[in-house]
Amino acid sequence: MSDLDIREWRLRRAKGAIEQYMRGLKRRASDISWVIGVLKGNFGVSKEEALSIIDAIKEDKTIILTPKRLRRLEELRRRVEQEEWGS
């Protein structure tokens, strides 16, 4: 697998975790600490990438953003901004 493939996989994984958190369908995925752990984990993304993905989701008209989902997405953005991120 090339570095580009790995980067793309990491970004897709991060987006999927954010969307799962936003929807809150699964018990574990509804926990903000879980999604932060996925984003920051060994196969996670940079803080800038995480914020960029959150912004892209918010602007994506194909995703139905109910008030609850939008609130969860904004809460996640604030939390990511506050988090200390590793290298």
N, C-alpha and C. Protein backbone atom coordinates (compact mmCIF):
# COMPACT_ATOMS: atom_id res chain seq x y z
N MET A 1 0.85 -1.18 0.00
CA MET A 1 0.00 0.00 0.00
C MET A 1 0.89 1.24 0.00
N SER A 2 0.56 2.22 -0.83
CA SER A 2 1.37 3.43 -0.89
C SER A 2 0.99 4.39 0.24
N ASP A 3 1.84 5.37 0.46
CA ASP A 3 1.57 6.37 1.49
C ASP A 3 0.27 7.12 1.19
N LEU A 4 -0.01 7.36 -0.08
CA LEU A 4 -1.23 8.04 -0.47
C LEU A 4 -2.45 7.20 -0.11
N ASP A 5 -2.38 5.90 -0.35
CA ASP A 5 -3.48 5.01 0.00
C ASP A 5 -3.72 5.02 1.52
N ILE A 6 -2.66 5.00 2.28
CA ILE A 6 -2.77 4.98 3.74
C ILE A 6 -3.38 6.29 4.23
N ARG A 7 -2.92 7.42 3.66
CA ARG A 7 -3.47 8.72 4.06
C ARG A 7 -4.96 8.78 3.74
N GLU A 8 -5.33 8.35 2.55
CA GLU A 8 -6.74 8.35 2.15
C GLU A 8 -7.57 7.46 3.08
N TRP A 9 -7.04 6.30 3.44
CA TRP A 9 -7.73 5.40 4.36
C TRP A 9 -7.94 6.07 5.71
N ARG A 10 -6.89 6.74 6.21
CA ARG A 10 -6.99 7.42 7.51
C ARG A 10 -8.04 8.52 7.48
N LEU A 11 -8.07 9.29 6.39
CA LEU A 11 -9.05 10.37 6.27
C LEU A 11 -10.47 9.83 6.20
N ARG A 12 -10.67 8.76 5.45
CA ARG A 12 -12.00 8.14 5.35
C ARG A 12 -12.44 7.55 6.69
N ARG A 13 -11.50 6.94 7.38
CA ARG A 13 -11.80 6.37 8.70
C ARG A 13 -12.21 7.47 9.67
N ALA A 14 -11.49 8.59 9.65
CA ALA A 14 -11.81 9.72 10.52
C ALA A 14 -13.19 10.28 10.19
N LYS A 15 -13.47 10.43 8.90
CA LYS A 15 -14.78 10.95 8.50
C LYS A 15 -15.89 10.01 8.95
N GLY A 16 -15.68 8.72 8.80
CA GLY A 16 -16.69 7.75 9.23
C GLY A 16 -16.93 7.81 10.73
N ALA A 17 -15.88 7.96 11.50
CA ALA A 17 -16.02 8.05 12.97
C ALA A 17 -16.78 9.31 13.35
N ILE A 18 -16.48 10.41 12.67
CA ILE A 18 -17.18 11.67 12.96
C ILE A 18 -18.66 11.53 12.62
N GLU A 19 -18.96 10.94 11.49
CA GLU A 19 -20.36 10.76 11.10
C GLU A 19 -21.08 9.82 12.06
N GLN A 20 -20.42 8.77 12.52
CA GLN A 20 -21.04 7.87 13.50
C GLN A 20 -21.34 8.63 14.78
N TYR A 21 -20.39 9.43 15.24
CA TYR A 21 -20.61 10.22 16.45
C TYR A 21 -21.77 11.19 16.25
N MET A 22 -21.77 11.86 15.12
CA MET A 22 -22.80 12.84 14.83
C MET A 22 -24.19 12.21 14.85
N ARG A 23 -24.29 10.99 14.31
CA ARG A 23 -25.57 10.29 14.27
C ARG A 23 -25.92 9.66 15.61
N GLY A 24 -24.91 9.27 16.38
CA GLY A 24 -25.13 8.70 17.70
C GLY A 24 -25.90 7.40 17.69
N LEU A 25 -25.74 6.59 16.64
CA LEU A 25 -26.54 5.38 16.50
C LEU A 25 -26.06 4.23 17.38
N LYS A 26 -24.76 4.15 17.59
CA LYS A 26 -24.23 3.05 18.40
C LYS A 26 -23.77 3.61 19.74
N ARG A 27 -23.89 2.81 20.75
CA ARG A 27 -23.56 3.26 22.09
C ARG A 27 -22.14 3.84 22.17
N ARG A 28 -21.15 3.08 21.73
CA ARG A 28 -19.77 3.54 21.81
C ARG A 28 -19.55 4.76 20.92
N ALA A 29 -20.11 4.73 19.72
CA ALA A 29 -19.90 5.81 18.76
C ALA A 29 -20.58 7.10 19.20
N SER A 30 -21.50 7.04 20.15
CA SER A 30 -22.17 8.25 20.60
C SER A 30 -21.35 8.98 21.67
N ASP A 31 -20.23 8.43 22.07
CA ASP A 31 -19.36 9.01 23.10
C ASP A 31 -18.30 9.89 22.45
N ILE A 32 -18.24 11.14 22.83
CA ILE A 32 -17.28 12.07 22.24
C ILE A 32 -15.84 11.63 22.51
N SER A 33 -15.59 11.00 23.64
CA SER A 33 -14.24 10.51 23.93
C SER A 33 -13.82 9.43 22.95
N TRP A 34 -14.76 8.62 22.51
CA TRP A 34 -14.46 7.57 21.54
C TRP A 34 -14.00 8.18 20.23
N VAL A 35 -14.76 9.15 19.71
CA VAL A 35 -14.39 9.74 18.42
C VAL A 35 -13.08 10.51 18.52
N ILE A 36 -12.84 11.18 19.62
CA ILE A 36 -11.56 11.88 19.81
C ILE A 36 -10.42 10.85 19.80
N GLY A 37 -10.63 9.71 20.45
CA GLY A 37 -9.62 8.65 20.45
C GLY A 37 -9.33 8.12 19.07
N VAL A 38 -10.37 7.96 18.25
CA VAL A 38 -10.18 7.50 16.87
C VAL A 38 -9.38 8.55 16.09
N LEU A 39 -9.74 9.79 16.24
CA LEU A 39 -9.08 10.87 15.50
C LEU A 39 -7.61 11.02 15.89
N LYS A 40 -7.32 10.85 17.17
CA LYS A 40 -5.96 11.06 17.66
C LYS A 40 -5.13 9.78 17.70
N GLY A 41 -5.74 8.65 17.49
CA GLY A 41 -5.07 7.36 17.65
C GLY A 41 -3.92 7.13 16.69
N ASN A 42 -3.31 5.96 16.80
CA ASN A 42 -2.17 5.59 15.97
C ASN A 42 -2.45 5.73 14.48
N PHE A 43 -3.67 5.46 14.09
CA PHE A 43 -4.04 5.58 12.68
C PHE A 43 -4.96 6.77 12.47
N GLY A 44 -4.80 7.76 13.32
CA GLY A 44 -5.64 8.95 13.28
C GLY A 44 -5.14 9.99 12.30
N VAL A 45 -5.64 11.19 12.47
CA VAL A 45 -5.34 12.30 11.58
C VAL A 45 -4.79 13.47 12.40
N SER A 46 -4.26 14.46 11.71
CA SER A 46 -3.78 15.65 12.41
C SER A 46 -4.99 16.48 12.87
N LYS A 47 -4.73 17.39 13.79
CA LYS A 47 -5.78 18.27 14.28
C LYS A 47 -6.37 19.08 13.13
N GLU A 48 -5.52 19.58 12.25
CA GLU A 48 -5.97 20.36 11.11
C GLU A 48 -6.84 19.52 10.17
N GLU A 49 -6.45 18.27 9.96
CA GLU A 49 -7.26 17.39 9.12
C GLU A 49 -8.61 17.12 9.76
N ALA A 50 -8.63 16.90 11.07
CA ALA A 50 -9.89 16.64 11.77
C ALA A 50 -10.82 17.84 11.64
N LEU A 51 -10.30 19.05 11.85
CA LEU A 51 -11.13 20.25 11.73
C LEU A 51 -11.63 20.44 10.30
N SER A 52 -10.79 20.13 9.34
CA SER A 52 -11.17 20.24 7.94
C SER A 52 -12.29 19.26 7.59
N ILE A 53 -12.20 18.05 8.10
CA ILE A 53 -13.24 17.04 7.85
C ILE A 53 -14.56 17.49 8.48
N ILE A 54 -14.50 18.01 9.70
CA ILE A 54 -15.71 18.50 10.37
C ILE A 54 -16.35 19.61 9.55
N ASP A 55 -15.54 20.55 9.07
CA ASP A 55 -16.07 21.65 8.27
C ASP A 55 -16.69 21.14 6.97
N ALA A 56 -16.04 20.17 6.33
CA ALA A 56 -16.57 19.60 5.09
C ALA A 56 -17.90 18.90 5.31
N ILE A 57 -18.01 18.17 6.42
CA ILE A 57 -19.28 17.50 6.74
C ILE A 57 -20.37 18.53 6.94
N LYS A 58 -20.06 19.59 7.66
CA LYS A 58 -21.05 20.64 7.94
C LYS A 58 -21.55 21.29 6.66
N GLU A 59 -20.68 21.43 5.67
CA GLU A 59 -21.05 22.07 4.41
C GLU A 59 -21.66 21.12 3.38
N ASP A 60 -21.59 19.81 3.63
CA ASP A 60 -22.07 18.81 2.68
C ASP A 60 -23.60 18.75 2.71
N LYS A 61 -24.20 19.18 1.62
CA LYS A 61 -25.67 19.23 1.55
C LYS A 61 -26.31 17.84 1.41
N THR A 62 -25.50 16.82 1.15
CA THR A 62 -26.06 15.47 1.03
C THR A 62 -26.26 14.81 2.39
N ILE A 63 -25.65 15.39 3.42
CA ILE A 63 -25.81 14.86 4.78
C ILE A 63 -26.92 15.64 5.46
N ILE A 64 -27.92 14.94 5.94
CA ILE A 64 -29.03 15.62 6.60
C ILE A 64 -28.58 16.03 7.99
N LEU A 65 -28.45 17.34 8.17
CA LEU A 65 -28.01 17.86 9.46
C LEU A 65 -29.22 18.31 10.27
N THR A 66 -29.69 17.43 11.12
CA THR A 66 -30.77 17.79 12.03
C THR A 66 -30.17 18.69 13.10
N PRO A 67 -31.00 19.40 13.83
CA PRO A 67 -30.46 20.25 14.91
C PRO A 67 -29.59 19.45 15.90
N LYS A 68 -30.01 18.23 16.21
CA LYS A 68 -29.23 17.41 17.14
C LYS A 68 -27.87 17.05 16.54
N ARG A 69 -27.84 16.65 15.28
CA ARG A 69 -26.59 16.28 14.63
C ARG A 69 -25.66 17.50 14.50
N LEU A 70 -26.23 18.62 14.14
CA LEU A 70 -25.44 19.83 14.02
C LEU A 70 -24.85 20.23 15.37
N ARG A 71 -25.64 20.12 16.42
CA ARG A 71 -25.17 20.42 17.78
C ARG A 71 -24.01 19.50 18.16
N ARG A 72 -24.13 18.21 17.86
CA ARG A 72 -23.08 17.25 18.18
C ARG A 72 -21.81 17.55 17.37
N LEU A 73 -21.99 17.94 16.10
CA LEU A 73 -20.85 18.26 15.26
C LEU A 73 -20.12 19.51 15.78
N GLU A 74 -20.87 20.50 16.18
CA GLU A 74 -20.27 21.73 16.72
C GLU A 74 -19.58 21.46 18.06
N GLU A 75 -20.19 20.62 18.87
CA GLU A 75 -19.58 20.22 20.14
C GLU A 75 -18.25 19.51 19.88
N LEU A 76 -18.23 18.64 18.89
CA LEU A 76 -17.00 17.93 18.54
C LEU A 76 -15.94 18.91 18.04
N ARG A 77 -16.32 19.87 17.23
CA ARG A 77 -15.36 20.85 16.73
C ARG A 77 -14.72 21.61 17.88
N ARG A 78 -15.53 22.06 18.83
CA ARG A 78 -14.99 22.77 20.00
C ARG A 78 -14.02 21.89 20.77
N ARG A 79 -14.40 20.64 20.95
CA ARG A 79 -13.54 19.72 21.70
C ARG A 79 -12.21 19.48 20.98
N VAL A 80 -12.25 19.30 19.67
CA VAL A 80 -11.03 19.11 18.89
C VAL A 80 -10.14 20.35 19.01
N GLU A 81 -10.74 21.52 18.92
CA GLU A 81 -9.96 22.76 19.04
C GLU A 81 -9.26 22.85 20.39
N GLN A 82 -9.88 22.35 21.44
CA GLN A 82 -9.33 22.42 22.80
C GLN A 82 -8.29 21.34 23.09
N GLU A 83 -8.36 20.25 22.37
CA GLU A 83 -7.49 19.09 22.63
C GLU A 83 -6.04 19.38 22.30
N GLU A 84 -5.17 18.81 23.11
CA GLU A 84 -3.75 18.78 22.77
C GLU A 84 -3.55 17.62 21.80
N TRP A 85 -2.90 17.88 20.70
CA TRP A 85 -2.69 16.86 19.68
C TRP A 85 -1.21 16.50 19.65
N GLY A 86 -0.92 15.24 19.52
CA GLY A 86 0.47 14.80 19.39
C GLY A 86 1.05 15.24 18.07
N SER A 87 2.19 14.72 17.73
CA SER A 87 2.89 15.13 16.50
C SER A 87 2.13 14.93 15.27
